[in-house]
Structure formats: structure tokens, C-alpha cells
Amino acid sequence: MEAKEMRRQIRSLSLPIIMESIFALSGNLVFIAILGRIDQVGLDSITHVAAQGMATVVTGIIWWLLKGVGIGSTIKVAQAYGAGSGHMIKEVGIQTLLFNIFLGLVCSVTLYSAAELFIRLYNPAAATGALAVRYIRIACIGFPFLGIMHTATGVLQGVGNTKTPMIMSAILNVVFILAGIPFIFGYIGQPLGVVGAAIALVIGQVITATIGLYALFNHRGPLALEDNEERKFFFKPRPKEMLEIASVGLPTGLENVFWQFSAMVIGRLMLGYGELAYAANQIGVQAESIANMPAASFGIVTVTLCGRAIGAEDRKLGQDYLKQILRIASFVVAFGMVLLIAFPHQLLRPLSPHEEVIALAAIYCRIMGAVLPFSTAVQVYQGALKSSGLHRIPMYVALGGIWIVRVPLSILAASFPQSTIVWLWVIVFLDNFSRFVATMLVYRKKSVFSEARN
């Protein structure tokens, strides 16, 4: 395949994924900006932003478990697509759907009961903790629908349809915003602040999951079934196949779950610097995502295209895809670095009216600008590792970065009397750089696209 055609495929896949990420981020950005301005209805904005930060880390554990299973379907479906097996695409897709709905239900019940326990790990102020617990328990209602959404996205991206997940993300966040504003500010009752955001999120997930099911099973969808016999066959639960799909994708999910747990430990350290510093971290993370999300999309593109090449037993094609993905990603990374390093205040000002918060968050953005080339390279090379069947290696790399570098050094830094939250952000840079080094060493050692691996 010619390089020009490869670049066209990469662009056609990556642009909708980037737009999907933009839509996903837009909802969070709008709500961070809204929560930062709810003082006008008698609510404490910094308390609500801090509660939202804690709650989303906790619910993020479930988000990534379900997302991990969805990624497993992307890898397996991409390989089936490369091999030309429509039957396998349906089997993988439907078994993933059944598994993710069941997992979502189990997680809903479990986290609803354990919400207070998780929030206590932060040792927050009483009012902040109570808000975070309410957010989590409302968000639990949406987990089965979130499982459907991640399955639909995973299957569709596996067959190369990245436009429909983009549309689903847009609809989710439009509903999220339109439903959330009345709840947050009290246009249809008393002002609920961050609790209103949780209600709006669940409404958006229910609607988007319904659209996802239609996208999968309509007569043109990848899981379209022709008759009742096919429905009986494919909808019969097959635990062995479910576990096989989960074993492919869950290492990615667990990689991020480990990060969510570490974020609770580090979040407690950050709260030790005060809620203002914690709020600065939260809006800094959102602003960083603006620059980071286009680069992050290339990890998904790598999984899809390299997975197809491996399914077609053409590792040379996979290697060529990787080279072109890295080439395009480098331009995107350069743009993101300029945004974060040169224009942080412009990115942050719409998110908060508090100049102290903005000034502190700008330091975070500049540090993350230096992180961006390393984090992007990690996502692309780890996408290649996952597509070739080396699913657990990225998880091990993440474990090392989190529990050998980030958490111990953060605890050490926070123990010094004169330390500030900036020290913890510098450690984020060290963590990402260590993952980059480890990933490159493993990639070269494993010779992912060597013909000898066929």
C-alpha cells in the first residue's frame, strides 16, 4: 500500500476520533466553567469543583473497566475485519455487549454501597465529601448504559467506522449540557451544583446508549442479525469467549484503573495544599486535555490499523502504518505543545474566574506541555503492542510508572515542609518519561512487526 493511501486512512480514522474527544471534553469543560461560577446562586464554587474532581476519579475506575472491555472488542473486531470474518465480528460484538451490561450492573451495586469508603480516602471537608458521595451514587445508575456505549464505540471503531462514535459523543455532551444547566443553577427547582451535573450525565448516557444499540443492530450495522435463529445463536452467553475478549481489553482498562486508585492517593496529598490548589489541578487537567486529545486519538488509530494488518497476516503493513501514524502525530504534538506552553492563561481563563487558580494552573499546563511528546509516543507504541497480542505489557509499564515513580516520589515530595503542589506536577513529568523509556525498550526487544512473529 502506498504511503499516500495510508495517510488518507489515518486521517479518515483519526479526525472523527479527535472530534469525538473534543465533544467528550466539551461537556467537562462547560461544567467545570459552570461550577466555577455557581457562587451567584449561593453555592461554594471551589467546594463543588473539588467534589466533582474526587467523584470523577472514583467513577473513572468503572469507566475504565467498561472501556477496557470495549477496547478488547476493538482489537478482536479489527483482527476479524482484517481476516474478512463477518461471523466473528458479530460474535465478538454481541458477547462484549452482554458482558459489559452485566459488568455495569455489578459495578453499579458495588460502588453505590462503597461510595463513602472511597471518598473517605481523600479525607475531605464534610461538605465536599457529602457532595462527592451524592454525585457517585447518582452516576452509578448510568453504568450499564455506559457499558453499552463503550461496546458500541469499540465495535464500530474496530470495523473502521469512527464517525458514528463521534456523533454519539456529540449527542451525549449536548444532552449533558442542556439537561445539566437547569439542574445546576436551579431553573427547575433548587440549585444542585455538582449533583445536577451527575443527573444530567446519566440522562445523556441513557439516550446515547440507545443510539449506540441502533448503530450496531440496524440493517446496515456491523451486528445486524437476519432472523430469529441468528439472534438465538449470537445472544447465547458464552463465558469463555467473554473472558477471552476481556483478557484482551481489560489490561488497558486496569492500566487506567491503577491510575485512578493512585489519583486518590495523590488527590489526598493535593488536598493537603488546600482546596484552591486542588481546584487549580482540576482545571489544569481539563485545559491540558484540549492539547492532548488529538495526540491521544492516534493510540486508537494504531490499534485499529495495526490490528487489521495483523489479522491479514501482513506485519510489514503494520510497520508501515506505525511509521505514518508517528509522522502525522508529531505535527499534532507540536501544535499542542505551543498551546500549553505559550498560551496557558488563554486556555484556562474560560474555566475559572479566580486569578489565583488560573496562575497556579498555568504552571501545570506548561509542565504538561513538556510531557506531551513522551505521552503521545507511549500511546502509539503501546497501541502497536496491544494490536499484536501483547496486551499486558502496557499495564505492567503503567504499574511501574505509577507505583515505582509517581506515588512514592509524590509522598516523599509532600513530606517536605516547604513543598508545593508544583512538585507533584514535576513528578508527573518524571512518570511519563519513565514510561516512554520502558515502552521503547520493550517495543524494540519484542520486534512487534518482525516477520518472524507470524
Protein backbone atom coordinates (compact mmCIF):
# COMPACT_ATOMS: atom_id res chain seq x y z
CA MET A 1 0.00 0.00 0.00
CA GLU A 2 1.30 3.45 -0.90
CA ALA A 3 2.19 5.94 1.83
CA LYS A 4 -0.35 8.43 0.45
CA GLU A 5 -3.20 5.95 0.86
CA MET A 6 -2.03 5.09 4.38
CA ARG A 7 -2.05 8.75 5.37
CA ARG A 8 -5.56 9.10 3.92
CA GLN A 9 -6.76 6.15 6.03
CA ILE A 10 -5.08 7.54 9.14
CA ARG A 11 -6.70 10.94 8.62
CA SER A 12 -10.12 9.45 7.92
CA LEU A 13 -9.97 7.44 11.15
CA SER A 14 -8.24 9.97 13.38
CA LEU A 15 -10.26 13.09 12.57
CA PRO A 16 -13.60 11.67 13.80
CA ILE A 17 -11.85 10.27 16.90
CA ILE A 18 -10.38 13.71 17.57
CA MET A 19 -13.81 15.26 17.15
CA GLU A 20 -15.29 12.59 19.44
CA SER A 21 -12.70 13.56 22.06
CA ILE A 22 -13.49 17.24 21.58
CA PHE A 23 -17.18 16.61 22.16
CA ALA A 24 -16.41 14.45 25.22
CA LEU A 25 -14.13 17.12 26.61
CA SER A 26 -16.52 19.96 25.84
CA GLY A 27 -19.06 18.68 28.35
CA ASN A 28 -16.45 18.52 31.10
CA LEU A 29 -15.07 21.94 30.21
CA VAL A 30 -18.52 23.53 30.24
CA PHE A 31 -19.35 22.01 33.61
CA ILE A 32 -16.04 22.98 35.17
CA ALA A 33 -16.67 26.53 33.93
CA ILE A 34 -20.25 26.45 35.24
CA LEU A 35 -19.30 25.02 38.62
CA GLY A 36 -16.65 27.70 38.91
CA ARG A 37 -19.41 30.33 38.71
CA ILE A 38 -22.17 28.94 40.92
CA ASP A 39 -21.38 31.39 43.72
CA GLN A 40 -24.10 33.55 42.12
CA VAL A 41 -26.79 31.07 43.27
CA GLY A 42 -25.41 30.76 46.80
CA LEU A 43 -23.21 27.68 46.33
CA ASP A 44 -19.46 27.48 47.05
CA SER A 45 -17.81 27.02 43.63
CA ILE A 46 -14.45 25.75 44.90
CA THR A 47 -16.17 23.13 47.07
CA HIS A 48 -18.25 21.89 44.12
CA VAL A 49 -15.25 21.77 41.75
CA ALA A 50 -13.27 19.81 44.35
CA ALA A 51 -16.20 17.40 44.92
CA GLN A 52 -16.53 16.87 41.17
CA GLY A 53 -12.81 16.16 40.93
CA MET A 54 -12.89 13.50 43.64
CA ALA A 55 -16.11 11.88 42.39
CA THR A 56 -14.97 11.63 38.77
CA VAL A 57 -11.75 9.91 39.82
CA VAL A 58 -13.78 7.29 41.70
CA THR A 59 -16.36 6.78 38.92
CA GLY A 60 -13.44 6.78 36.47
CA ILE A 61 -12.46 3.37 37.90
CA ILE A 62 -15.69 1.90 36.49
CA TRP A 63 -15.48 4.00 33.32
CA TRP A 64 -12.10 2.44 32.52
CA LEU A 65 -13.14 -1.11 33.40
CA LEU A 66 -16.01 -0.87 30.91
CA LYS A 67 -13.85 1.00 28.41
CA GLY A 68 -11.20 -1.72 28.69
CA VAL A 69 -13.70 -4.37 27.65
CA GLY A 70 -14.74 -2.11 24.76
CA ILE A 71 -11.10 -1.81 23.67
CA GLY A 72 -10.90 -5.60 23.73
CA SER A 73 -13.73 -5.67 21.19
CA THR A 74 -11.93 -3.08 19.04
CA ILE A 75 -8.81 -5.26 18.85
CA LYS A 76 -10.70 -8.51 18.21
CA VAL A 77 -13.10 -6.93 15.72
CA ALA A 78 -10.25 -5.23 13.84
CA GLN A 79 -8.47 -8.58 13.51
CA ALA A 80 -11.70 -10.25 12.34
CA TYR A 81 -12.26 -7.40 9.87
CA GLY A 82 -8.73 -7.84 8.51
CA ALA A 83 -9.40 -11.57 8.13
CA GLY A 84 -12.75 -10.88 6.42
CA SER A 85 -14.87 -12.74 9.00
CA GLY A 86 -18.30 -11.13 9.41
CA HIS A 87 -19.41 -14.02 11.64
CA MET A 88 -16.58 -13.36 14.10
CA ILE A 89 -17.36 -9.63 14.16
CA LYS A 90 -20.95 -10.41 15.24
CA GLU A 91 -19.86 -12.96 17.80
CA VAL A 92 -17.28 -10.69 19.39
CA GLY A 93 -19.59 -7.67 19.34
CA ILE A 94 -22.61 -9.36 20.95
CA GLN A 95 -20.61 -11.22 23.59
CA THR A 96 -18.87 -7.96 24.50
CA LEU A 97 -22.26 -6.25 24.79
CA LEU A 98 -23.67 -8.91 27.10
CA PHE A 99 -20.56 -8.89 29.26
CA ASN A 100 -20.38 -5.11 29.55
CA ILE A 101 -24.05 -4.77 30.54
CA PHE A 102 -23.58 -7.40 33.25
CA LEU A 103 -20.33 -5.79 34.43
CA GLY A 104 -22.02 -2.38 34.51
CA LEU A 105 -24.83 -3.72 36.73
CA VAL A 106 -22.38 -5.34 39.15
CA CYS A 107 -20.32 -2.16 39.34
CA SER A 108 -23.44 -0.05 39.96
CA VAL A 109 -24.44 -2.04 43.01
CA THR A 110 -20.89 -2.33 44.34
CA LEU A 111 -19.89 1.32 44.02
CA TYR A 112 -23.21 2.62 45.32
CA SER A 113 -22.53 0.72 48.55
CA ALA A 114 -18.84 1.67 48.73
CA ALA A 115 -19.07 5.36 47.72
CA GLU A 116 -18.46 6.74 51.23
CA LEU A 117 -15.49 4.42 51.75
CA PHE A 118 -13.78 5.65 48.58
CA ILE A 119 -14.36 9.32 49.38
CA ARG A 120 -13.02 8.90 52.90
CA LEU A 121 -9.65 8.05 51.34
CA TYR A 122 -9.35 11.72 50.38
CA ASN A 123 -10.06 12.90 53.93
CA PRO A 124 -12.06 15.86 52.55
CA ALA A 125 -14.05 18.52 54.39
CA ALA A 126 -17.50 17.21 55.39
CA ALA A 127 -19.46 19.31 52.86
CA THR A 128 -17.14 18.40 49.99
CA GLY A 129 -17.24 14.70 50.80
CA ALA A 130 -21.04 14.64 51.06
CA LEU A 131 -21.40 16.22 47.61
CA ALA A 132 -18.93 13.76 46.11
CA VAL A 133 -20.82 10.77 47.55
CA ARG A 134 -24.14 12.05 46.15
CA TYR A 135 -22.53 12.51 42.71
CA ILE A 136 -21.15 8.96 42.72
CA ARG A 137 -24.43 7.32 43.77
CA ILE A 138 -26.36 9.06 41.03
CA ALA A 139 -23.66 8.22 38.46
CA CYS A 140 -23.98 4.53 39.39
CA ILE A 141 -27.38 4.42 37.67
CA GLY A 142 -25.70 5.06 34.33
CA PHE A 143 -23.04 2.29 34.42
CA PRO A 144 -24.98 -0.37 32.44
CA PHE A 145 -25.71 2.25 29.77
CA LEU A 146 -22.06 3.29 29.82
CA GLY A 147 -21.19 -0.36 29.14
CA ILE A 148 -23.41 -0.30 26.04
CA MET A 149 -21.82 2.96 24.87
CA HIS A 150 -18.26 1.62 25.21
CA THR A 151 -19.19 -1.60 23.42
CA ALA A 152 -20.80 0.27 20.52
CA THR A 153 -17.78 2.57 20.22
CA GLY A 154 -15.34 -0.35 20.38
CA VAL A 155 -17.09 -2.45 17.73
CA LEU A 156 -17.67 0.46 15.36
CA GLN A 157 -14.07 1.65 15.61
CA GLY A 158 -12.90 -1.93 15.03
CA VAL A 159 -14.62 -2.00 11.63
CA GLY A 160 -13.27 1.46 10.80
CA ASN A 161 -16.45 3.43 11.50
CA THR A 162 -15.19 6.30 13.65
CA LYS A 163 -17.86 8.78 12.53
CA THR A 164 -20.77 7.20 14.40
CA PRO A 165 -18.93 7.20 17.77
CA MET A 166 -18.15 10.86 17.07
CA ILE A 167 -21.86 11.60 16.58
CA MET A 168 -22.70 9.61 19.74
CA SER A 169 -20.20 11.64 21.73
CA ALA A 170 -21.65 14.88 20.37
CA ILE A 171 -25.19 13.87 21.32
CA LEU A 172 -24.09 12.74 24.80
CA ASN A 173 -22.48 16.06 25.56
CA VAL A 174 -25.22 18.22 24.05
CA VAL A 175 -27.74 16.40 26.26
CA PHE A 176 -25.30 16.59 29.19
CA ILE A 177 -25.04 20.38 28.88
CA LEU A 178 -28.68 21.15 28.05
CA ALA A 179 -30.01 18.94 30.84
CA GLY A 180 -27.31 19.95 33.31
CA ILE A 181 -27.63 23.74 33.32
CA PRO A 182 -31.22 23.80 34.68
CA PHE A 183 -30.33 21.31 37.44
CA ILE A 184 -27.09 23.05 38.40
CA PHE A 185 -28.50 26.58 38.62
CA GLY A 186 -31.95 25.60 39.88
CA TYR A 187 -34.05 26.71 36.91
CA ILE A 188 -36.38 23.75 37.56
CA GLY A 189 -36.03 23.53 41.36
CA GLN A 190 -33.37 24.33 43.91
CA PRO A 191 -29.77 24.74 42.68
CA LEU A 192 -27.98 21.39 42.83
CA GLY A 193 -24.48 22.29 41.63
CA VAL A 194 -22.34 19.22 41.05
CA VAL A 195 -25.24 16.89 41.89
CA GLY A 196 -27.14 18.34 38.93
CA ALA A 197 -24.18 17.51 36.70
CA ALA A 198 -24.45 13.84 37.79
CA ILE A 199 -28.17 13.71 36.93
CA ALA A 200 -27.51 15.22 33.51
CA LEU A 201 -24.71 12.73 32.85
CA VAL A 202 -26.99 9.75 33.45
CA ILE A 203 -29.69 11.20 31.18
CA GLY A 204 -27.10 11.64 28.43
CA GLN A 205 -25.80 8.08 28.87
CA VAL A 206 -29.28 6.54 28.58
CA ILE A 207 -30.01 8.41 25.35
CA THR A 208 -26.57 7.73 23.83
CA ALA A 209 -26.69 4.01 24.70
CA THR A 210 -30.00 3.74 22.85
CA ILE A 211 -28.42 5.34 19.78
CA GLY A 212 -25.42 3.00 20.10
CA LEU A 213 -27.67 -0.07 20.04
CA TYR A 214 -29.36 1.20 16.90
CA ALA A 215 -25.99 1.83 15.24
CA LEU A 216 -24.91 -1.75 15.97
CA PHE A 217 -28.10 -3.63 15.06
CA ASN A 218 -29.80 -1.66 12.27
CA HIS A 219 -29.82 -3.38 8.87
CA ARG A 220 -26.52 -1.71 7.91
CA GLY A 221 -24.89 -2.14 11.30
CA PRO A 222 -21.95 -4.50 11.91
CA LEU A 223 -24.06 -6.69 14.23
CA ALA A 224 -27.21 -6.80 12.07
CA LEU A 225 -28.97 -10.17 12.51
CA GLU A 226 -31.10 -11.62 9.74
CA ASP A 227 -33.54 -13.89 11.61
CA ASN A 228 -34.52 -15.38 14.95
CA GLU A 229 -32.11 -18.28 14.52
CA GLU A 230 -29.18 -15.86 14.34
CA ARG A 231 -30.50 -13.98 17.36
CA LYS A 232 -30.75 -17.18 19.40
CA PHE A 233 -27.26 -18.25 18.36
CA PHE A 234 -25.40 -14.98 18.89
CA PHE A 235 -27.24 -13.86 22.04
CA LYS A 236 -26.49 -17.08 23.89
CA PRO A 237 -23.96 -16.09 26.60
CA ARG A 238 -20.57 -17.74 26.10
CA PRO A 239 -18.49 -17.13 29.24
CA LYS A 240 -15.30 -18.49 27.65
CA GLU A 241 -15.49 -16.04 24.76
CA MET A 242 -16.44 -13.18 27.08
CA LEU A 243 -13.39 -13.83 29.21
CA GLU A 244 -11.18 -14.04 26.14
CA ILE A 245 -12.38 -10.61 24.94
CA ALA A 246 -11.99 -9.23 28.45
CA SER A 247 -8.48 -10.63 28.71
CA VAL A 248 -7.53 -8.65 25.60
CA GLY A 249 -9.02 -5.33 26.68
CA LEU A 250 -9.02 -5.35 30.47
CA PRO A 251 -5.24 -4.86 30.78
CA THR A 252 -5.81 -1.45 29.16
CA GLY A 253 -8.73 -0.81 31.47
CA LEU A 254 -6.77 -1.96 34.52
CA GLU A 255 -3.83 0.19 33.47
CA ASN A 256 -6.09 3.22 33.88
CA VAL A 257 -7.86 1.80 36.94
CA PHE A 258 -4.48 1.63 38.69
CA TRP A 259 -4.03 5.26 37.75
CA GLN A 260 -7.44 6.13 39.22
CA PHE A 261 -6.50 4.46 42.51
CA SER A 262 -3.18 6.29 42.57
CA ALA A 263 -5.06 9.52 41.77
CA MET A 264 -6.99 9.05 45.02
CA VAL A 265 -3.73 8.76 46.96
CA ILE A 266 -2.23 11.76 45.17
CA GLY A 267 -5.53 13.64 45.39
CA ARG A 268 -5.35 13.37 49.17
CA LEU A 269 -1.82 14.80 49.03
CA MET A 270 -3.04 17.62 46.80
CA LEU A 271 -5.89 18.47 49.16
CA GLY A 272 -3.21 18.91 51.80
CA TYR A 273 -2.16 22.02 49.88
CA GLY A 274 -5.71 23.39 50.13
CA GLU A 275 -8.87 23.27 48.00
CA LEU A 276 -7.63 26.19 45.88
CA ALA A 277 -4.56 24.19 44.80
CA TYR A 278 -6.75 21.13 44.15
CA ALA A 279 -9.15 23.21 42.05
CA ALA A 280 -6.16 24.57 40.08
CA ASN A 281 -5.12 20.98 39.36
CA GLN A 282 -8.65 20.12 38.18
CA ILE A 283 -8.95 22.97 35.69
CA GLY A 284 -5.34 22.41 34.61
CA VAL A 285 -6.18 18.81 33.76
CA GLN A 286 -9.15 19.96 31.66
CA ALA A 287 -7.09 22.57 29.80
CA GLU A 288 -4.32 20.04 29.19
CA SER A 289 -6.86 17.71 27.63
CA ILE A 290 -7.58 20.28 24.92
CA ALA A 291 -4.00 19.97 23.68
CA ASN A 292 -3.59 16.28 24.47
CA MET A 293 -6.74 14.75 22.98
CA PRO A 294 -5.73 14.96 19.28
CA ALA A 295 -2.47 13.18 20.07
CA ALA A 296 -4.30 10.61 22.23
CA SER A 297 -6.52 9.63 19.29
CA PHE A 298 -3.54 8.14 17.47
CA GLY A 299 -3.35 5.33 20.02
CA ILE A 300 -6.81 4.15 18.94
CA VAL A 301 -5.89 4.55 15.26
CA THR A 302 -2.79 2.40 15.84
CA VAL A 303 -4.84 -0.36 17.48
CA THR A 304 -7.33 -0.38 14.59
CA LEU A 305 -4.95 -0.23 11.60
CA CYS A 306 -2.17 -2.39 13.02
CA GLY A 307 -4.81 -4.86 14.24
CA ARG A 308 -6.16 -5.12 10.69
CA ALA A 309 -2.67 -5.72 9.33
CA ILE A 310 -2.05 -8.49 11.85
CA GLY A 311 -5.47 -10.03 11.12
CA ALA A 312 -4.48 -10.07 7.43
CA GLU A 313 -1.09 -11.59 8.44
CA ASP A 314 0.82 -8.68 6.91
CA ARG A 315 3.22 -7.39 9.57
CA LYS A 316 5.13 -5.29 7.06
CA LEU A 317 1.92 -3.32 6.50
CA GLY A 318 1.58 -2.87 10.26
CA GLN A 319 5.10 -1.46 10.48
CA ASP A 320 4.38 0.96 7.63
CA TYR A 321 1.17 2.09 9.30
CA LEU A 322 3.08 2.77 12.52
CA LYS A 323 5.65 4.95 10.75
CA GLN A 324 2.97 7.05 9.10
CA ILE A 325 0.97 7.42 12.32
CA LEU A 326 4.06 8.67 14.16
CA ARG A 327 4.81 11.11 11.36
CA ILE A 328 1.33 12.68 11.47
CA ALA A 329 1.21 12.63 15.27
CA SER A 330 4.43 14.64 15.51
CA PHE A 331 2.77 17.65 13.84
CA VAL A 332 -0.22 17.44 16.17
CA VAL A 333 2.06 17.20 19.21
CA ALA A 334 3.96 20.31 18.16
CA PHE A 335 0.70 22.28 17.99
CA GLY A 336 -0.39 21.02 21.41
CA MET A 337 2.92 21.97 22.98
CA VAL A 338 2.61 25.52 21.68
CA LEU A 339 -0.89 25.81 23.19
CA LEU A 340 0.14 24.53 26.61
CA ILE A 341 3.47 26.30 26.95
CA ALA A 342 2.78 29.64 25.23
CA PHE A 343 -0.95 30.19 25.84
CA PRO A 344 -1.98 28.55 29.14
CA HIS A 345 -3.79 31.59 30.52
CA GLN A 346 -5.93 31.84 27.38
CA LEU A 347 -6.89 28.17 27.77
CA LEU A 348 -7.65 28.49 31.47
CA ARG A 349 -9.49 31.81 31.75
CA PRO A 350 -12.84 30.47 30.43
CA LEU A 351 -12.73 27.74 33.10
CA SER A 352 -12.42 29.87 36.22
CA PRO A 353 -12.93 33.49 37.30
CA HIS A 354 -10.34 33.13 40.08
CA GLU A 355 -6.97 34.61 39.04
CA GLU A 356 -5.08 32.74 41.76
CA VAL A 357 -6.41 29.45 40.46
CA ILE A 358 -5.53 30.37 36.87
CA ALA A 359 -1.98 31.47 37.74
CA LEU A 360 -1.28 28.18 39.52
CA ALA A 361 -2.93 26.03 36.84
CA ALA A 362 -0.81 27.75 34.17
CA ILE A 363 2.30 26.21 35.75
CA TYR A 364 0.66 22.79 35.46
CA CYS A 365 -0.10 23.37 31.75
CA ARG A 366 3.49 24.33 30.95
CA ILE A 367 4.84 21.21 32.64
CA MET A 368 2.32 19.07 30.75
CA GLY A 369 3.42 20.71 27.50
CA ALA A 370 6.85 19.20 28.08
CA VAL A 371 5.20 15.82 28.82
CA LEU A 372 3.17 15.72 25.58
CA PRO A 373 5.77 14.23 23.15
CA PHE A 374 6.54 11.37 25.53
CA SER A 375 2.91 10.56 26.42
CA THR A 376 1.89 10.53 22.75
CA ALA A 377 4.73 8.24 21.71
CA VAL A 378 3.77 5.89 24.56
CA GLN A 379 0.17 5.70 23.37
CA VAL A 380 1.14 4.97 19.76
CA TYR A 381 3.76 2.31 20.52
CA GLN A 382 1.56 0.70 23.15
CA GLY A 383 -1.25 0.60 20.57
CA ALA A 384 1.09 -1.44 18.36
CA LEU A 385 1.88 -3.77 21.25
CA LYS A 386 -1.81 -4.30 22.02
CA SER A 387 -2.72 -4.96 18.39
CA SER A 388 -0.07 -7.69 18.18
CA GLY A 389 -1.36 -9.60 21.21
CA LEU A 390 0.99 -8.14 23.85
CA HIS A 391 -1.94 -6.79 25.86
CA ARG A 392 -0.44 -6.93 29.34
CA ILE A 393 2.85 -5.12 28.71
CA PRO A 394 1.32 -1.59 28.70
CA MET A 395 -0.37 -2.45 32.01
CA TYR A 396 2.94 -3.50 33.54
CA VAL A 397 4.60 -0.32 32.27
CA ALA A 398 1.81 1.76 33.82
CA LEU A 399 2.10 -0.12 37.11
CA GLY A 400 5.81 0.62 37.23
CA GLY A 401 5.34 4.29 36.41
CA ILE A 402 2.57 4.77 38.97
CA TRP A 403 3.79 2.73 41.93
CA ILE A 404 7.56 2.97 41.50
CA VAL A 405 7.81 6.57 40.31
CA ARG A 406 4.69 8.70 40.75
CA VAL A 407 3.19 7.63 44.07
CA PRO A 408 6.39 7.12 46.14
CA LEU A 409 8.00 10.33 44.87
CA SER A 410 4.77 12.29 45.42
CA ILE A 411 4.53 11.08 49.02
CA LEU A 412 8.18 11.97 49.54
CA ALA A 413 7.76 15.44 47.98
CA ALA A 414 4.66 16.20 50.05
CA SER A 415 6.54 15.34 53.25
CA PHE A 416 8.84 18.36 52.91
CA PRO A 417 7.52 21.40 54.83
CA GLN A 418 8.27 23.89 52.04
CA SER A 419 6.89 21.82 49.17
CA THR A 420 4.08 22.99 46.91
CA ILE A 421 1.70 21.23 44.54
CA VAL A 422 4.09 22.12 41.69
CA TRP A 423 6.49 19.47 42.97
CA LEU A 424 3.80 16.83 42.37
CA TRP A 425 3.35 18.06 38.81
CA VAL A 426 7.09 17.73 38.12
CA ILE A 427 6.81 14.13 39.27
CA VAL A 428 4.08 13.60 36.66
CA PHE A 429 6.70 14.54 34.05
CA LEU A 430 9.16 12.02 35.52
CA ASP A 431 6.49 9.30 35.50
CA ASN A 432 5.64 9.88 31.83
CA PHE A 433 9.29 9.97 30.80
CA SER A 434 9.96 6.69 32.61
CA ARG A 435 7.02 5.08 30.77
CA PHE A 436 8.37 6.34 27.46
CA VAL A 437 11.78 4.76 28.11
CA ALA A 438 10.25 1.46 29.27
CA THR A 439 7.84 1.28 26.30
CA MET A 440 10.58 1.90 23.74
CA LEU A 441 12.83 -0.74 25.29
CA VAL A 442 10.04 -3.33 25.26
CA TYR A 443 8.93 -2.47 21.72
CA ARG A 444 12.42 -2.90 20.35
CA LYS A 445 13.02 -6.12 22.27
CA LYS A 446 9.73 -7.72 21.16
CA SER A 447 10.21 -6.85 17.45
CA VAL A 448 6.43 -6.48 17.13
CA PHE A 449 6.25 -6.36 13.34
CA SER A 450 9.08 -8.75 12.57
CA GLU A 451 8.10 -11.38 10.02
CA ALA A 452 9.45 -13.96 12.44
CA ARG A 453 6.38 -13.34 14.66
CA ASN A 454 3.93 -14.58 12.01
